[in-house]
Amino acid sequence: MIAERVTVRLDRRLRQRLLQLARRSGKSESELVREALEAYSAAHGLTESCYDVARRAGVIGIVRDAPADLSTNPKYFEGFGAS
């Protein structure tokens, strides 16, 4: 996973709670923030798409020696599904 850095400003109380949670859980502050954002986005219906899951799993673009537009060019679909 390639991580991008994001700067977030926290008030003193929230920062102290984050530090306490990190110490108690043995997790990094970044990991706790990522988990919190994942939970928040899931609770609000913002989940990963199938494409995102497949890309993260490394199964996008694994077909070798195939046209680059195989999945989008209609000419490759001629007769597809016909019996």
PDB file of N, CA and C in Angstrom:
ATOM      1  N   MET A   1       0.843  -1.173   0.000  1.00  0.00           N
ATOM      2  CA  MET A   1       0.000   0.000   0.000  1.00  0.00           C
ATOM      3  C   MET A   1       0.890   1.239   0.000  1.00  0.00           C
ATOM      4  N   ILE A   2       0.658   2.126  -0.930  1.00  0.00           N
ATOM      5  CA  ILE A   2       1.371   3.394  -0.950  1.00  0.00           C
ATOM      6  C   ILE A   2       0.574   4.366  -0.094  1.00  0.00           C
ATOM      7  N   ALA A   3       1.182   4.884   0.939  1.00  0.00           N
ATOM      8  CA  ALA A   3       0.482   5.777   1.857  1.00  0.00           C
ATOM      9  C   ALA A   3       0.778   7.226   1.502  1.00  0.00           C
ATOM     10  N   GLU A   4      -0.235   8.037   1.647  1.00  0.00           N
ATOM     11  CA  GLU A   4      -0.075   9.474   1.464  1.00  0.00           C
ATOM     12  C   GLU A   4      -0.187  10.141   2.819  1.00  0.00           C
ATOM     13  N   ARG A   5       0.604  11.156   3.027  1.00  0.00           N
ATOM     14  CA  ARG A   5       0.599  11.867   4.300  1.00  0.00           C
ATOM     15  C   ARG A   5      -0.507  12.921   4.302  1.00  0.00           C
ATOM     16  N   VAL A   6      -1.236  12.970   5.420  1.00  0.00           N
ATOM     17  CA  VAL A   6      -2.288  13.968   5.624  1.00  0.00           C
ATOM     18  C   VAL A   6      -2.030  14.627   6.973  1.00  0.00           C
ATOM     19  N   THR A   7      -2.126  15.931   7.024  1.00  0.00           N
ATOM     20  CA  THR A   7      -1.939  16.653   8.276  1.00  0.00           C
ATOM     21  C   THR A   7      -3.308  16.981   8.860  1.00  0.00           C
ATOM     22  N   VAL A   8      -3.472  16.669  10.137  1.00  0.00           N
ATOM     23  CA  VAL A   8      -4.735  16.928  10.826  1.00  0.00           C
ATOM     24  C   VAL A   8      -4.431  17.695  12.102  1.00  0.00           C
ATOM     25  N   ARG A   9      -5.227  18.689  12.401  1.00  0.00           N
ATOM     26  CA  ARG A   9      -5.047  19.462  13.634  1.00  0.00           C
ATOM     27  C   ARG A   9      -6.037  18.947  14.686  1.00  0.00           C
ATOM     28  N   LEU A  10      -5.520  18.667  15.874  1.00  0.00           N
ATOM     29  CA  LEU A  10      -6.331  18.177  16.981  1.00  0.00           C
ATOM     30  C   LEU A  10      -6.189  19.126  18.161  1.00  0.00           C
ATOM     31  N   ASP A  11      -7.284  19.315  18.898  1.00  0.00           N
ATOM     32  CA  ASP A  11      -7.129  20.098  20.120  1.00  0.00           C
ATOM     33  C   ASP A  11      -6.397  19.242  21.150  1.00  0.00           C
ATOM     34  N   ARG A  12      -5.952  19.855  22.214  1.00  0.00           N
ATOM     35  CA  ARG A  12      -5.103  19.182  23.193  1.00  0.00           C
ATOM     36  C   ARG A  12      -5.777  17.947  23.799  1.00  0.00           C
ATOM     37  N   ARG A  13      -7.070  18.056  24.127  1.00  0.00           N
ATOM     38  CA  ARG A  13      -7.768  16.916  24.751  1.00  0.00           C
ATOM     39  C   ARG A  13      -7.847  15.726  23.809  1.00  0.00           C
ATOM     40  N   LEU A  14      -8.177  15.976  22.546  1.00  0.00           N
ATOM     41  CA  LEU A  14      -8.293  14.892  21.583  1.00  0.00           C
ATOM     42  C   LEU A  14      -6.920  14.270  21.311  1.00  0.00           C
ATOM     43  N   ARG A  15      -5.906  15.087  21.251  1.00  0.00           N
ATOM     44  CA  ARG A  15      -4.540  14.591  21.055  1.00  0.00           C
ATOM     45  C   ARG A  15      -4.125  13.686  22.215  1.00  0.00           C
ATOM     46  N   GLN A  16      -4.447  14.081  23.450  1.00  0.00           N
ATOM     47  CA  GLN A  16      -4.116  13.265  24.612  1.00  0.00           C
ATOM     48  C   GLN A  16      -4.865  11.940  24.585  1.00  0.00           C
ATOM     49  N   ARG A  17      -6.131  11.960  24.161  1.00  0.00           N
ATOM     50  CA  ARG A  17      -6.903  10.716  24.058  1.00  0.00           C
ATOM     51  C   ARG A  17      -6.297   9.802  23.006  1.00  0.00           C
ATOM     52  N   LEU A  18      -5.860  10.372  21.890  1.00  0.00           N
ATOM     53  CA  LEU A  18      -5.215   9.578  20.853  1.00  0.00           C
ATOM     54  C   LEU A  18      -3.929   8.934  21.372  1.00  0.00           C
ATOM     55  N   LEU A  19      -3.132   9.693  22.099  1.00  0.00           N
ATOM     56  CA  LEU A  19      -1.901   9.154  22.676  1.00  0.00           C
ATOM     57  C   LEU A  19      -2.195   8.030  23.666  1.00  0.00           C
ATOM     58  N   GLN A  20      -3.210   8.216  24.501  1.00  0.00           N
ATOM     59  CA  GLN A  20      -3.588   7.183  25.480  1.00  0.00           C
ATOM     60  C   GLN A  20      -4.062   5.918  24.773  1.00  0.00           C
ATOM     61  N   LEU A  21      -4.889   6.082  23.756  1.00  0.00           N
ATOM     62  CA  LEU A  21      -5.363   4.925  23.006  1.00  0.00           C
ATOM     63  C   LEU A  21      -4.216   4.184  22.339  1.00  0.00           C
ATOM     64  N   ALA A  22      -3.271   4.926  21.808  1.00  0.00           N
ATOM     65  CA  ALA A  22      -2.118   4.303  21.154  1.00  0.00           C
ATOM     66  C   ALA A  22      -1.306   3.496  22.161  1.00  0.00           C
ATOM     67  N   ARG A  23      -1.074   4.059  23.333  1.00  0.00           N
ATOM     68  CA  ARG A  23      -0.311   3.344  24.361  1.00  0.00           C
ATOM     69  C   ARG A  23      -1.052   2.087  24.815  1.00  0.00           C
ATOM     70  N   ARG A  24      -2.349   2.214  25.070  1.00  0.00           N
ATOM     71  CA  ARG A  24      -3.136   1.077  25.576  1.00  0.00           C
ATOM     72  C   ARG A  24      -3.271  -0.046  24.556  1.00  0.00           C
ATOM     73  N   SER A  25      -3.421   0.336  23.296  1.00  0.00           N
ATOM     74  CA  SER A  25      -3.664  -0.670  22.258  1.00  0.00           C
ATOM     75  C   SER A  25      -2.386  -1.229  21.654  1.00  0.00           C
ATOM     76  N   GLY A  26      -1.275  -0.507  21.830  1.00  0.00           N
ATOM     77  CA  GLY A  26      -0.027  -0.925  21.206  1.00  0.00           C
ATOM     78  C   GLY A  26       0.006  -0.624  19.720  1.00  0.00           C
ATOM     79  N   LYS A  27      -0.916   0.212  19.282  1.00  0.00           N
ATOM     80  CA  LYS A  27      -0.973   0.597  17.865  1.00  0.00           C
ATOM     81  C   LYS A  27      -0.418   2.004  17.709  1.00  0.00           C
ATOM     82  N   SER A  28      -0.028   2.324  16.486  1.00  0.00           N
ATOM     83  CA  SER A  28       0.456   3.683  16.221  1.00  0.00           C
ATOM     84  C   SER A  28      -0.728   4.645  16.134  1.00  0.00           C
ATOM     85  N   GLU A  29      -0.438   5.904  16.317  1.00  0.00           N
ATOM     86  CA  GLU A  29      -1.470   6.931  16.183  1.00  0.00           C
ATOM     87  C   GLU A  29      -2.064   6.892  14.773  1.00  0.00           C
ATOM     88  N   SER A  30      -1.207   6.721  13.782  1.00  0.00           N
ATOM     89  CA  SER A  30      -1.672   6.670  12.396  1.00  0.00           C
ATOM     90  C   SER A  30      -2.630   5.512  12.177  1.00  0.00           C
ATOM     91  N   GLU A  31      -2.288   4.356  12.752  1.00  0.00           N
ATOM     92  CA  GLU A  31      -3.145   3.182  12.594  1.00  0.00           C
ATOM     93  C   GLU A  31      -4.510   3.422  13.223  1.00  0.00           C
ATOM     94  N   LEU A  32      -4.530   4.047  14.393  1.00  0.00           N
ATOM     95  CA  LEU A  32      -5.805   4.346  15.051  1.00  0.00           C
ATOM     96  C   LEU A  32      -6.642   5.326  14.231  1.00  0.00           C
ATOM     97  N   VAL A  33      -5.999   6.332  13.668  1.00  0.00           N
ATOM     98  CA  VAL A  33      -6.724   7.310  12.842  1.00  0.00           C
ATOM     99  C   VAL A  33      -7.267   6.631  11.586  1.00  0.00           C
ATOM    100  N   ARG A  34      -6.465   5.765  10.954  1.00  0.00           N
ATOM    101  CA  ARG A  34      -6.941   5.037   9.764  1.00  0.00           C
ATOM    102  C   ARG A  34      -8.147   4.170  10.114  1.00  0.00           C
ATOM    103  N   GLU A  35      -8.058   3.443  11.242  1.00  0.00           N
ATOM    104  CA  GLU A  35      -9.177   2.590  11.658  1.00  0.00           C
ATOM    105  C   GLU A  35     -10.433   3.418  11.915  1.00  0.00           C
ATOM    106  N   ALA A  36     -10.263   4.566  12.546  1.00  0.00           N
ATOM    107  CA  ALA A  36     -11.410   5.427  12.835  1.00  0.00           C
ATOM    108  C   ALA A  36     -12.047   5.939  11.542  1.00  0.00           C
ATOM    109  N   LEU A  37     -11.224   6.315  10.575  1.00  0.00           N
ATOM    110  CA  LEU A  37     -11.756   6.795   9.293  1.00  0.00           C
ATOM    111  C   LEU A  37     -12.438   5.672   8.515  1.00  0.00           C
ATOM    112  N   GLU A  38     -11.870   4.473   8.576  1.00  0.00           N
ATOM    113  CA  GLU A  38     -12.499   3.322   7.917  1.00  0.00           C
ATOM    114  C   GLU A  38     -13.868   3.054   8.532  1.00  0.00           C
ATOM    115  N   ALA A  39     -13.948   3.054   9.856  1.00  0.00           N
ATOM    116  CA  ALA A  39     -15.218   2.798  10.543  1.00  0.00           C
ATOM    117  C   ALA A  39     -16.233   3.892  10.228  1.00  0.00           C
ATOM    118  N   TYR A  40     -15.791   5.141  10.226  1.00  0.00           N
ATOM    119  CA  TYR A  40     -16.685   6.265   9.934  1.00  0.00           C
ATOM    120  C   TYR A  40     -17.215   6.180   8.502  1.00  0.00           C
ATOM    121  N   SER A  41     -16.322   5.891   7.560  1.00  0.00           N
ATOM    122  CA  SER A  41     -16.756   5.832   6.164  1.00  0.00           C
ATOM    123  C   SER A  41     -17.679   4.644   5.930  1.00  0.00           C
ATOM    124  N   ALA A  42     -17.435   3.506   6.579  1.00  0.00           N
ATOM    125  CA  ALA A  42     -18.318   2.346   6.441  1.00  0.00           C
ATOM    126  C   ALA A  42     -19.691   2.655   7.031  1.00  0.00           C
ATOM    127  N   ALA A  43     -19.720   3.351   8.164  1.00  0.00           N
ATOM    128  CA  ALA A  43     -20.991   3.700   8.803  1.00  0.00           C
ATOM    129  C   ALA A  43     -21.807   4.666   7.958  1.00  0.00           C
ATOM    130  N   HIS A  44     -21.145   5.395   7.090  1.00  0.00           N
ATOM    131  CA  HIS A  44     -21.834   6.366   6.234  1.00  0.00           C
ATOM    132  C   HIS A  44     -21.953   5.880   4.788  1.00  0.00           C
ATOM    133  N   GLY A  45     -21.792   4.582   4.591  1.00  0.00           N
ATOM    134  CA  GLY A  45     -22.017   3.995   3.276  1.00  0.00           C
ATOM    135  C   GLY A  45     -20.918   4.243   2.265  1.00  0.00           C
ATOM    136  N   LEU A  46     -19.749   4.617   2.716  1.00  0.00           N
ATOM    137  CA  LEU A  46     -18.640   4.871   1.791  1.00  0.00           C
ATOM    138  C   LEU A  46     -17.665   3.696   1.855  1.00  0.00           C
ATOM    139  N   THR A  47     -18.016   2.622   1.183  1.00  0.00           N
ATOM    140  CA  THR A  47     -17.168   1.437   1.202  1.00  0.00           C
ATOM    141  C   THR A  47     -16.404   1.331  -0.102  1.00  0.00           C
ATOM    142  N   GLU A  48     -15.431   0.439  -0.143  1.00  0.00           N
ATOM    143  CA  GLU A  48     -14.636   0.247  -1.345  1.00  0.00           C
ATOM    144  C   GLU A  48     -15.477  -0.342  -2.475  1.00  0.00           C
ATOM    145  N   SER A  49     -15.166   0.062  -3.680  1.00  0.00           N
ATOM    146  CA  SER A  49     -15.812  -0.531  -4.847  1.00  0.00           C
ATOM    147  C   SER A  49     -15.157  -1.869  -5.160  1.00  0.00           C
ATOM    148  N   CYS A  50     -15.800  -2.674  -5.972  1.00  0.00           N
ATOM    149  CA  CYS A  50     -15.211  -3.953  -6.400  1.00  0.00           C
ATOM    150  C   CYS A  50     -13.893  -3.703  -7.122  1.00  0.00           C
ATOM    151  N   TYR A  51     -13.841  -2.649  -7.904  1.00  0.00           N
ATOM    152  CA  TYR A  51     -12.608  -2.304  -8.605  1.00  0.00           C
ATOM    153  C   TYR A  51     -11.483  -2.028  -7.613  1.00  0.00           C
ATOM    154  N   ASP A  52     -11.785  -1.240  -6.562  1.00  0.00           N
ATOM    155  CA  ASP A  52     -10.765  -0.933  -5.562  1.00  0.00           C
ATOM    156  C   ASP A  52     -10.264  -2.185  -4.861  1.00  0.00           C
ATOM    157  N   VAL A  53     -11.182  -3.097  -4.545  1.00  0.00           N
ATOM    158  CA  VAL A  53     -10.795  -4.342  -3.884  1.00  0.00           C
ATOM    159  C   VAL A  53      -9.905  -5.174  -4.810  1.00  0.00           C
ATOM    160  N   ALA A  54     -10.299  -5.299  -6.079  1.00  0.00           N
ATOM    161  CA  ALA A  54      -9.520  -6.076  -7.043  1.00  0.00           C
ATOM    162  C   ALA A  54      -8.157  -5.441  -7.281  1.00  0.00           C
ATOM    163  N   ARG A  55      -8.115  -4.131  -7.344  1.00  0.00           N
ATOM    164  CA  ARG A  55      -6.840  -3.439  -7.556  1.00  0.00           C
ATOM    165  C   ARG A  55      -5.907  -3.653  -6.368  1.00  0.00           C
ATOM    166  N   ARG A  56      -6.458  -3.535  -5.159  1.00  0.00           N
ATOM    167  CA  ARG A  56      -5.662  -3.747  -3.960  1.00  0.00           C
ATOM    168  C   ARG A  56      -5.163  -5.192  -3.873  1.00  0.00           C
ATOM    169  N   ALA A  57      -5.985  -6.135  -4.359  1.00  0.00           N
ATOM    170  CA  ALA A  57      -5.606  -7.545  -4.335  1.00  0.00           C
ATOM    171  C   ALA A  57      -4.592  -7.891  -5.421  1.00  0.00           C
ATOM    172  N   GLY A  58      -4.382  -6.969  -6.354  1.00  0.00           N
ATOM    173  CA  GLY A  58      -3.389  -7.193  -7.400  1.00  0.00           C
ATOM    174  C   GLY A  58      -3.884  -8.023  -8.567  1.00  0.00           C
ATOM    175  N   VAL A  59      -5.202  -8.095  -8.763  1.00  0.00           N
ATOM    176  CA  VAL A  59      -5.716  -8.903  -9.870  1.00  0.00           C
ATOM    177  C   VAL A  59      -6.098  -8.064 -11.083  1.00  0.00           C
ATOM    178  N   ILE A  60      -5.892  -6.777 -11.036  1.00  0.00           N
ATOM    179  CA  ILE A  60      -6.149  -5.915 -12.182  1.00  0.00           C
ATOM    180  C   ILE A  60      -4.911  -5.943 -13.076  1.00  0.00           C
ATOM    181  N   GLY A  61      -5.116  -6.221 -14.351  1.00  0.00           N
ATOM    182  CA  GLY A  61      -4.021  -6.187 -15.307  1.00  0.00           C
ATOM    183  C   GLY A  61      -3.106  -7.391 -15.272  1.00  0.00           C
ATOM    184  N   ILE A  62      -3.623  -8.548 -14.860  1.00  0.00           N
ATOM    185  CA  ILE A  62      -2.755  -9.722 -14.769  1.00  0.00           C
ATOM    186  C   ILE A  62      -2.757 -10.574 -16.031  1.00  0.00           C
ATOM    187  N   VAL A  63      -3.637 -10.232 -17.006  1.00  0.00           N
ATOM    188  CA  VAL A  63      -3.685 -10.995 -18.250  1.00  0.00           C
ATOM    189  C   VAL A  63      -2.540 -10.530 -19.139  1.00  0.00           C
ATOM    190  N   ARG A  64      -1.722 -11.475 -19.560  1.00  0.00           N
ATOM    191  CA  ARG A  64      -0.571 -11.140 -20.398  1.00  0.00           C
ATOM    192  C   ARG A  64      -0.918 -11.360 -21.872  1.00  0.00           C
ATOM    193  N   ASP A  65      -0.256 -10.629 -22.735  1.00  0.00           N
ATOM    194  CA  ASP A  65      -0.411 -10.764 -24.185  1.00  0.00           C
ATOM    195  C   ASP A  65      -1.851 -10.580 -24.648  1.00  0.00           C
ATOM    196  N   ALA A  66      -2.574  -9.669 -24.014  1.00  0.00           N
ATOM    197  CA  ALA A  66      -3.954  -9.360 -24.411  1.00  0.00           C
ATOM    198  C   ALA A  66      -4.011  -7.878 -24.790  1.00  0.00           C
ATOM    199  N   PRO A  67      -4.978  -7.498 -25.628  1.00  0.00           N
ATOM    200  CA  PRO A  67      -5.106  -6.090 -25.994  1.00  0.00           C
ATOM    201  C   PRO A  67      -5.378  -5.231 -24.754  1.00  0.00           C
ATOM    202  N   ALA A  68      -4.838  -4.039 -24.720  1.00  0.00           N
ATOM    203  CA  ALA A  68      -5.008  -3.149 -23.573  1.00  0.00           C
ATOM    204  C   ALA A  68      -6.464  -2.747 -23.359  1.00  0.00           C
ATOM    205  N   ASP A  69      -7.264  -2.743 -24.446  1.00  0.00           N
ATOM    206  CA  ASP A  69      -8.666  -2.335 -24.340  1.00  0.00           C
ATOM    207  C   ASP A  69      -9.623  -3.524 -24.343  1.00  0.00           C
ATOM    208  N   LEU A  70      -9.150  -4.683 -23.926  1.00  0.00           N
ATOM    209  CA  LEU A  70      -9.949  -5.908 -23.986  1.00  0.00           C
ATOM    210  C   LEU A  70     -11.294  -5.773 -23.277  1.00  0.00           C
ATOM    211  N   SER A  71     -11.330  -5.129 -22.143  1.00  0.00           N
ATOM    212  CA  SER A  71     -12.570  -5.061 -21.378  1.00  0.00           C
ATOM    213  C   SER A  71     -13.472  -3.907 -21.779  1.00  0.00           C
ATOM    214  N   THR A  72     -13.020  -3.026 -22.667  1.00  0.00           N
ATOM    215  CA  THR A  72     -13.826  -1.849 -23.013  1.00  0.00           C
ATOM    216  C   THR A  72     -14.174  -1.724 -24.484  1.00  0.00           C
ATOM    217  N   ASN A  73     -13.466  -2.411 -25.362  1.00  0.00           N
ATOM    218  CA  ASN A  73     -13.699  -2.274 -26.797  1.00  0.00           C
ATOM    219  C   ASN A  73     -14.813  -3.227 -27.232  1.00  0.00           C
ATOM    220  N   PRO A  74     -15.906  -2.688 -27.781  1.00  0.00           N
ATOM    221  CA  PRO A  74     -17.061  -3.514 -28.169  1.00  0.00           C
ATOM    222  C   PRO A  74     -16.741  -4.601 -29.192  1.00  0.00           C
ATOM    223  N   LYS A  75     -15.702  -4.416 -30.005  1.00  0.00           N
ATOM    224  CA  LYS A  75     -15.412  -5.418 -31.029  1.00  0.00           C
ATOM    225  C   LYS A  75     -15.077  -6.771 -30.414  1.00  0.00           C
ATOM    226  N   TYR A  76     -14.546  -6.785 -29.194  1.00  0.00           N
ATOM    227  CA  TYR A  76     -14.210  -8.041 -28.527  1.00  0.00           C
ATOM    228  C   TYR A  76     -15.446  -8.756 -27.971  1.00  0.00           C
ATOM    229  N   PHE A  77     -16.578  -8.053 -27.944  1.00  0.00           N
ATOM    230  CA  PHE A  77     -17.797  -8.630 -27.378  1.00  0.00           C
ATOM    231  C   PHE A  77     -18.727  -9.199 -28.456  1.00  0.00           C
ATOM    232  N   GLU A  78     -18.361  -9.097 -29.711  1.00  0.00           N
ATOM    233  CA  GLU A  78     -19.200  -9.628 -30.780  1.00  0.00           C
ATOM    234  C   GLU A  78     -19.404 -11.121 -30.570  1.00  0.00           C
ATOM    235  N   GLY A  79     -20.651 -11.526 -30.464  1.00  0.00           N
ATOM    236  CA  GLY A  79     -20.997 -12.931 -30.277  1.00  0.00           C
ATOM    237  C   GLY A  79     -20.899 -13.403 -28.834  1.00  0.00           C
ATOM    238  N   PHE A  80     -20.504 -12.531 -27.938  1.00  0.00           N
ATOM    239  CA  PHE A  80     -20.384 -12.906 -26.539  1.00  0.00           C
ATOM    240  C   PHE A  80     -21.761 -13.280 -25.973  1.00  0.00           C
ATOM    241  N   GLY A  81     -21.863 -14.412 -25.345  1.00  0.00           N
ATOM    242  CA  GLY A  81     -23.115 -14.832 -24.736  1.00  0.00           C
ATOM    243  C   GLY A  81     -24.036 -15.585 -25.696  1.00  0.00           C
ATOM    244  N   ALA A  82     -23.655 -15.650 -26.954  1.00  0.00           N
ATOM    245  CA  ALA A  82     -24.483 -16.380 -27.928  1.00  0.00           C
ATOM    246  C   ALA A  82     -24.238 -17.878 -27.758  1.00  0.00           C
ATOM    247  N   SER A  83     -25.311 -18.653 -27.981  1.00  0.00           N
ATOM    248  CA  SER A  83     -25.122 -20.093 -27.844  1.00  0.00           C
ATOM    249  C   SER A  83     -24.929 -20.753 -29.181  1.00  0.00           C
TER     250      SER A  83
END
